């Protein structure tokens, strides 16, 4: 995609998809979204994946905290 003559919306969308895919580690560069609709769908997928992963880690951390607290109270 030639970004020199692209509209600003496409430039920002392309920059955002690069930043989010790099931040999430979900991109290897071999398959990249080309159209604005593909970029939007990819961003939504990345963001939903990040939310689900964060929620999972948070739940495990809360469970570990509660189990440790329960062991402490029994002593």
C-alpha atoms as a PDB file:
ATOM      1  CA  UNK A   1       0.000   0.000   0.000  1.00  0.00           C
ATOM      2  CA  UNK A   2       1.486   3.346  -1.049  1.00  0.00           C
ATOM      3  CA  UNK A   3       1.001   5.602   1.960  1.00  0.00           C
ATOM      4  CA  UNK A   4       2.453   8.763   0.391  1.00  0.00           C
ATOM      5  CA  UNK A   5      -0.749   9.650  -1.448  1.00  0.00           C
ATOM      6  CA  UNK A   6      -3.166   7.857   0.899  1.00  0.00           C
ATOM      7  CA  UNK A   7      -5.864   9.783   2.765  1.00  0.00           C
ATOM      8  CA  UNK A   8      -5.155  10.614   6.411  1.00  0.00           C
ATOM      9  CA  UNK A   9      -7.705   8.068   7.677  1.00  0.00           C
ATOM     10  CA  UNK A  10      -5.841   5.249   5.940  1.00  0.00           C
ATOM     11  CA  UNK A  11      -2.502   6.510   7.268  1.00  0.00           C
ATOM     12  CA  UNK A  12      -3.802   6.581  10.835  1.00  0.00           C
ATOM     13  CA  UNK A  13      -5.498   3.187  10.479  1.00  0.00           C
ATOM     14  CA  UNK A  14      -2.295   1.677   9.109  1.00  0.00           C
ATOM     15  CA  UNK A  15      -0.254   3.197  11.936  1.00  0.00           C
ATOM     16  CA  UNK A  16      -2.736   1.973  14.544  1.00  0.00           C
ATOM     17  CA  UNK A  17      -2.800  -1.584  13.208  1.00  0.00           C
ATOM     18  CA  UNK A  18       1.018  -1.650  13.259  1.00  0.00           C
ATOM     19  CA  UNK A  19       1.141  -0.376  16.856  1.00  0.00           C
ATOM     20  CA  UNK A  20      -1.525  -2.731  18.208  1.00  0.00           C
ATOM     21  CA  UNK A  21      -0.223  -5.804  16.400  1.00  0.00           C
ATOM     22  CA  UNK A  22       3.294  -5.061  17.650  1.00  0.00           C
ATOM     23  CA  UNK A  23       2.065  -4.456  21.196  1.00  0.00           C
ATOM     24  CA  UNK A  24       0.059  -7.683  21.309  1.00  0.00           C
ATOM     25  CA  UNK A  25       2.670  -9.779  19.534  1.00  0.00           C
ATOM     26  CA  UNK A  26      -0.006 -11.134  17.194  1.00  0.00           C
ATOM     27  CA  UNK A  27       1.617 -10.201  13.906  1.00  0.00           C
ATOM     28  CA  UNK A  28       4.441 -11.810  12.015  1.00  0.00           C
ATOM     29  CA  UNK A  29       4.120  -9.517   9.008  1.00  0.00           C
ATOM     30  CA  UNK A  30       3.346 -12.325   6.584  1.00  0.00           C
ATOM     31  CA  UNK A  31      -0.412 -11.663   6.558  1.00  0.00           C
ATOM     32  CA  UNK A  32      -1.471  -8.056   6.875  1.00  0.00           C
ATOM     33  CA  UNK A  33      -4.821  -6.337   6.489  1.00  0.00           C
ATOM     34  CA  UNK A  34      -5.067  -4.337   3.263  1.00  0.00           C
ATOM     35  CA  UNK A  35      -8.413  -2.560   3.299  1.00  0.00           C
ATOM     36  CA  UNK A  36      -9.847  -0.260   5.939  1.00  0.00           C
ATOM     37  CA  UNK A  37     -12.494  -2.864   6.844  1.00  0.00           C
ATOM     38  CA  UNK A  38      -9.818  -5.525   7.355  1.00  0.00           C
ATOM     39  CA  UNK A  39      -7.811  -3.138   9.543  1.00  0.00           C
ATOM     40  CA  UNK A  40     -10.847  -2.348  11.702  1.00  0.00           C
ATOM     41  CA  UNK A  41     -11.699  -6.052  12.077  1.00  0.00           C
ATOM     42  CA  UNK A  42      -8.087  -6.854  12.996  1.00  0.00           C
ATOM     43  CA  UNK A  43      -8.006  -4.088  15.600  1.00  0.00           C
ATOM     44  CA  UNK A  44     -11.235  -5.303  17.173  1.00  0.00           C
ATOM     45  CA  UNK A  45      -9.904  -8.861  17.259  1.00  0.00           C
ATOM     46  CA  UNK A  46      -6.627  -7.765  18.868  1.00  0.00           C
ATOM     47  CA  UNK A  47      -8.376  -5.608  21.457  1.00  0.00           C
ATOM     48  CA  UNK A  48     -10.919  -8.286  22.379  1.00  0.00           C
ATOM     49  CA  UNK A  49      -8.078 -10.799  22.706  1.00  0.00           C
ATOM     50  CA  UNK A  50      -6.163  -8.438  25.001  1.00  0.00           C
ATOM     51  CA  UNK A  51      -9.243  -7.919  27.183  1.00  0.00           C
ATOM     52  CA  UNK A  52      -9.933 -11.655  27.475  1.00  0.00           C
ATOM     53  CA  UNK A  53      -6.287 -12.375  28.316  1.00  0.00           C
ATOM     54  CA  UNK A  54      -6.162  -9.601  30.937  1.00  0.00           C
ATOM     55  CA  UNK A  55      -9.421 -10.829  32.509  1.00  0.00           C
ATOM     56  CA  UNK A  56      -8.094 -14.393  32.650  1.00  0.00           C
ATOM     57  CA  UNK A  57      -4.860 -13.351  34.368  1.00  0.00           C
ATOM     58  CA  UNK A  58      -6.804 -11.126  36.746  1.00  0.00           C
ATOM     59  CA  UNK A  59      -9.134 -13.958  37.724  1.00  0.00           C
ATOM     60  CA  UNK A  60      -6.221 -16.317  38.392  1.00  0.00           C
ATOM     61  CA  UNK A  61      -4.443 -13.683  40.477  1.00  0.00           C
ATOM     62  CA  UNK A  62      -7.610 -13.046  42.518  1.00  0.00           C
ATOM     63  CA  UNK A  63      -8.091 -16.760  43.072  1.00  0.00           C
ATOM     64  CA  UNK A  64      -4.491 -17.163  44.205  1.00  0.00           C
ATOM     65  CA  UNK A  65      -4.869 -14.219  46.583  1.00  0.00           C
ATOM     66  CA  UNK A  66      -8.062 -15.668  48.082  1.00  0.00           C
ATOM     67  CA  UNK A  67      -6.497 -19.113  48.538  1.00  0.00           C
ATOM     68  CA  UNK A  68      -3.402 -17.627  50.202  1.00  0.00           C
ATOM     69  CA  UNK A  69      -5.613 -15.508  52.477  1.00  0.00           C
ATOM     70  CA  UNK A  70      -7.634 -18.584  53.455  1.00  0.00           C
ATOM     71  CA  UNK A  71      -4.452 -20.511  54.364  1.00  0.00           C
ATOM     72  CA  UNK A  72      -3.231 -17.590  56.472  1.00  0.00           C
ATOM     73  CA  UNK A  73      -6.486 -17.379  58.429  1.00  0.00           C
ATOM     74  CA  UNK A  74      -6.422 -21.118  59.242  1.00  0.00           C
ATOM     75  CA  UNK A  75      -3.029 -20.839  60.986  1.00  0.00           C
END
